[in-house]
Amino acid sequence: MKYYHKDSGAVVRSLVYGTLLALAIYILWQYVIQGNIAREAFKQVIAEGGNIGSLLKQMGNSSSQTVSQLLNAFSYMALASSFLGVSLGLFDYIADFFKFSDDGCGRAKSALVTFAPPTLAALLFPNGFLYAIGFAGLAATVWAVIVPALMARASRRRFPQSDYRAPGGRGMIAFIILFGLINAVAHCLALLGMLPVFK
């Protein structure tokens, strides 16, 4: 809300347009990858840890040099944009959680707490990105799906006559919480190796 100066309409528009843009790019990415890499080649990608470098290497083997370069550029932009988006949200969350001030010193503390642990982890475990992104996804399920739904439910109980009310009733809130829980359980089962995997 800080970046939109408490304009709820701008927040809603940014969420809708941003989500639709991310969905369109994700569908395009899946179409390009699934359409250009042979099914058997995915075994090699999985054997090498599922890293994006392995995926792009297989893509380079099955497409032209131009397509390979475009995919490299796209993957770097995807990593950079996800890094910026997550780090910006985490930066503000940490500043609020630890009650750091909004001056230079407080923002420096927030930056240190936000970026020092992942930098150290990346240096100590260079191939740990996929595991880290998996745990980040689990945390994001709680932080971006379950918690907002619980906040909406609490807000409706506390302020029943509020001027603004997000669309959907109790059923929608229950559906969102259930979706988040299913996603979290599926992730935990995948970590424990209890879900089927293509080999």
Protein backbone atom coordinates (compact mmCIF):
# COMPACT_ATOMS: atom_id res chain seq x y z
CA MET A 1 0.00 0.00 0.00
CA LYS A 2 2.93 2.32 0.65
CA TYR A 3 3.80 2.50 -3.05
CA TYR A 4 0.19 3.26 -4.06
CA HIS A 5 -0.48 5.93 -1.40
CA LYS A 6 -3.43 3.95 0.02
CA ASP A 7 -5.29 3.96 -3.32
CA SER A 8 -7.16 0.64 -3.08
CA GLY A 9 -8.21 0.78 -6.75
CA ALA A 10 -4.58 1.01 -7.87
CA VAL A 11 -3.69 -1.93 -5.62
CA VAL A 12 -6.48 -4.08 -7.07
CA ARG A 13 -5.52 -3.14 -10.66
CA SER A 14 -1.84 -3.91 -10.03
CA LEU A 15 -2.71 -7.31 -8.55
CA VAL A 16 -5.07 -8.25 -11.39
CA TYR A 17 -2.85 -7.02 -14.24
CA GLY A 18 0.33 -8.35 -12.64
CA THR A 19 -1.22 -11.78 -12.08
CA LEU A 20 -2.58 -11.96 -15.63
CA LEU A 21 0.78 -10.89 -17.08
CA ALA A 22 2.63 -13.50 -15.00
CA LEU A 23 0.11 -16.17 -16.04
CA ALA A 24 0.49 -15.30 -19.75
CA ILE A 25 4.29 -15.42 -19.54
CA TYR A 26 4.18 -18.70 -17.60
CA ILE A 27 1.88 -20.31 -20.19
CA LEU A 28 4.17 -19.10 -22.98
CA TRP A 29 7.22 -20.48 -21.13
CA GLN A 30 5.55 -23.88 -20.66
CA TYR A 31 4.48 -23.96 -24.30
CA VAL A 32 8.01 -23.21 -25.52
CA ILE A 33 9.71 -25.68 -23.16
CA GLN A 34 7.24 -28.54 -23.55
CA GLY A 35 7.06 -28.03 -27.31
CA ASN A 36 10.81 -27.97 -27.98
CA ILE A 37 12.34 -30.48 -25.57
CA ALA A 38 11.80 -34.18 -26.15
CA ARG A 39 10.20 -36.07 -23.27
CA GLU A 40 13.28 -38.27 -22.92
CA ALA A 41 15.49 -35.18 -22.52
CA PHE A 42 13.68 -34.31 -19.29
CA LYS A 43 15.27 -37.38 -17.68
CA GLN A 44 18.68 -35.75 -18.09
CA VAL A 45 17.36 -32.45 -16.68
CA ILE A 46 15.98 -34.26 -13.62
CA ALA A 47 19.21 -36.27 -13.20
CA GLU A 48 21.18 -33.01 -13.11
CA GLY A 49 19.01 -31.64 -10.30
CA GLY A 50 16.36 -29.84 -12.33
CA ASN A 51 18.44 -26.69 -12.56
CA ILE A 52 17.48 -24.08 -15.15
CA GLY A 53 20.95 -24.38 -16.68
CA SER A 54 20.27 -28.04 -17.51
CA LEU A 55 16.91 -27.12 -18.99
CA LEU A 56 18.45 -24.45 -21.21
CA LYS A 57 21.23 -26.83 -22.27
CA GLN A 58 18.63 -29.34 -23.46
CA MET A 59 16.75 -26.52 -25.15
CA GLY A 60 19.93 -25.49 -26.95
CA ASN A 61 20.36 -29.04 -28.25
CA SER A 62 16.92 -29.06 -29.84
CA SER A 63 16.49 -25.55 -31.27
CA SER A 64 18.24 -22.85 -33.25
CA GLN A 65 20.96 -20.57 -31.84
CA THR A 66 18.59 -17.58 -31.93
CA VAL A 67 15.90 -19.40 -29.93
CA SER A 68 18.54 -20.56 -27.46
CA GLN A 69 19.81 -16.99 -26.94
CA LEU A 70 16.26 -15.67 -26.52
CA LEU A 71 15.54 -18.35 -23.92
CA ASN A 72 18.75 -17.51 -22.06
CA ALA A 73 17.77 -13.84 -21.96
CA PHE A 74 14.24 -14.74 -20.88
CA SER A 75 15.46 -17.01 -18.08
CA TYR A 76 17.82 -14.35 -16.74
CA MET A 77 15.02 -11.77 -16.81
CA ALA A 78 12.69 -14.22 -15.06
CA LEU A 79 15.24 -14.84 -12.31
CA ALA A 80 15.98 -11.13 -11.92
CA SER A 81 12.32 -10.12 -11.79
CA SER A 82 11.43 -12.86 -9.29
CA PHE A 83 14.43 -11.86 -7.19
CA LEU A 84 13.38 -8.19 -7.24
CA GLY A 85 9.73 -8.94 -6.51
CA VAL A 86 10.39 -11.31 -3.63
CA SER A 87 13.19 -9.21 -2.15
CA LEU A 88 11.08 -6.04 -2.26
CA GLY A 89 8.22 -7.75 -0.44
CA LEU A 90 10.59 -9.35 2.07
CA PHE A 91 12.43 -6.05 2.58
CA ASP A 92 9.21 -4.26 3.58
CA TYR A 93 8.03 -7.20 5.67
CA ILE A 94 11.31 -7.29 7.62
CA ALA A 95 11.25 -3.51 8.11
CA ASP A 96 7.72 -3.77 9.55
CA PHE A 97 8.43 -6.89 11.60
CA PHE A 98 11.57 -5.54 13.26
CA LYS A 99 10.16 -1.98 13.36
CA PHE A 100 13.20 -0.54 11.56
CA SER A 101 12.88 3.18 10.85
CA ASP A 102 12.31 4.48 7.30
CA ASP A 103 15.55 6.51 7.26
CA GLY A 104 18.90 5.50 5.76
CA CYS A 105 20.07 3.59 8.82
CA GLY A 106 16.81 1.64 9.16
CA ARG A 107 16.74 0.76 5.47
CA ALA A 108 20.37 -0.39 5.68
CA LYS A 109 19.42 -2.73 8.55
CA SER A 110 16.46 -4.05 6.53
CA ALA A 111 18.73 -4.63 3.52
CA LEU A 112 21.29 -6.46 5.66
CA VAL A 113 18.69 -8.78 7.20
CA THR A 114 17.04 -9.32 3.78
CA PHE A 115 20.11 -10.01 1.66
CA ALA A 116 22.89 -11.28 3.96
CA PRO A 117 21.40 -14.73 4.81
CA PRO A 118 20.57 -15.72 1.20
CA THR A 119 23.94 -14.44 -0.02
CA LEU A 120 25.74 -16.51 2.60
CA ALA A 121 23.60 -19.56 1.78
CA ALA A 122 24.32 -19.15 -1.96
CA LEU A 123 28.05 -19.02 -1.27
CA LEU A 124 27.99 -22.08 1.00
CA PHE A 125 25.52 -24.12 -1.09
CA PRO A 126 25.85 -23.08 -4.76
CA ASN A 127 23.34 -25.70 -5.95
CA GLY A 128 20.83 -25.00 -3.21
CA PHE A 129 18.76 -22.55 -5.26
CA LEU A 130 16.06 -25.08 -6.15
CA TYR A 131 15.65 -26.20 -2.55
CA ALA A 132 15.56 -22.59 -1.39
CA ILE A 133 13.01 -21.57 -4.00
CA GLY A 134 10.90 -24.55 -2.95
CA PHE A 135 10.88 -23.42 0.67
CA ALA A 136 10.25 -19.86 -0.48
CA GLY A 137 7.22 -21.15 -2.37
CA LEU A 138 5.98 -22.87 0.78
CA ALA A 139 6.44 -19.66 2.77
CA ALA A 140 4.74 -17.66 0.01
CA THR A 141 1.75 -20.01 0.20
CA VAL A 142 1.33 -19.08 3.85
CA TRP A 143 2.28 -15.43 3.41
CA ALA A 144 0.46 -14.63 0.15
CA VAL A 145 -2.50 -17.04 0.17
CA ILE A 146 -3.51 -18.23 3.63
CA VAL A 147 -2.67 -15.12 5.70
CA PRO A 148 -4.50 -12.64 3.41
CA ALA A 149 -7.60 -14.86 3.43
CA LEU A 150 -7.51 -15.02 7.24
CA MET A 151 -6.99 -11.24 7.35
CA ALA A 152 -10.01 -10.69 5.09
CA ARG A 153 -12.11 -12.92 7.34
CA ALA A 154 -10.94 -11.09 10.48
CA SER A 155 -11.50 -7.69 8.83
CA ARG A 156 -15.07 -8.59 7.87
CA ARG A 157 -15.83 -9.67 11.42
CA ARG A 158 -14.23 -6.61 12.97
CA PHE A 159 -15.50 -4.01 10.48
CA PRO A 160 -18.81 -5.34 9.10
CA GLN A 161 -19.87 -1.89 7.80
CA SER A 162 -16.59 -1.10 5.99
CA ASP A 163 -16.74 0.98 2.78
CA TYR A 164 -14.60 -1.52 0.84
CA ARG A 165 -15.21 -5.24 0.73
CA ALA A 166 -13.28 -7.69 -1.44
CA PRO A 167 -15.53 -9.73 -3.74
CA GLY A 168 -16.63 -13.17 -2.62
CA GLY A 169 -18.25 -14.34 0.57
CA ARG A 170 -17.30 -16.89 3.20
CA GLY A 171 -17.17 -19.60 0.55
CA MET A 172 -14.47 -17.76 -1.40
CA ILE A 173 -12.36 -17.25 1.74
CA ALA A 174 -12.74 -20.94 2.65
CA PHE A 175 -11.80 -21.94 -0.92
CA ILE A 176 -8.65 -19.78 -0.84
CA ILE A 177 -7.56 -21.19 2.53
CA LEU A 178 -8.23 -24.75 1.31
CA PHE A 179 -6.25 -24.07 -1.88
CA GLY A 180 -3.31 -22.78 0.17
CA LEU A 181 -3.40 -25.79 2.50
CA ILE A 182 -3.52 -28.25 -0.42
CA ASN A 183 -0.57 -26.47 -2.03
CA ALA A 184 1.43 -26.57 1.23
CA VAL A 185 0.65 -30.26 1.84
CA ALA A 186 1.57 -31.14 -1.76
CA HIS A 187 4.88 -29.33 -1.38
CA CYS A 188 5.69 -31.14 1.88
CA LEU A 189 4.79 -34.51 0.32
CA ALA A 190 7.05 -33.71 -2.66
CA LEU A 191 9.93 -32.88 -0.30
CA LEU A 192 9.44 -36.21 1.47
CA GLY A 193 9.43 -38.06 -1.88
CA MET A 194 5.85 -39.26 -1.43
CA LEU A 195 4.52 -37.96 -4.77
CA PRO A 196 5.07 -39.64 -8.14
CA VAL A 197 8.01 -38.20 -10.13
CA PHE A 198 8.85 -38.62 -13.82
CA LYS A 199 12.10 -40.60 -14.15
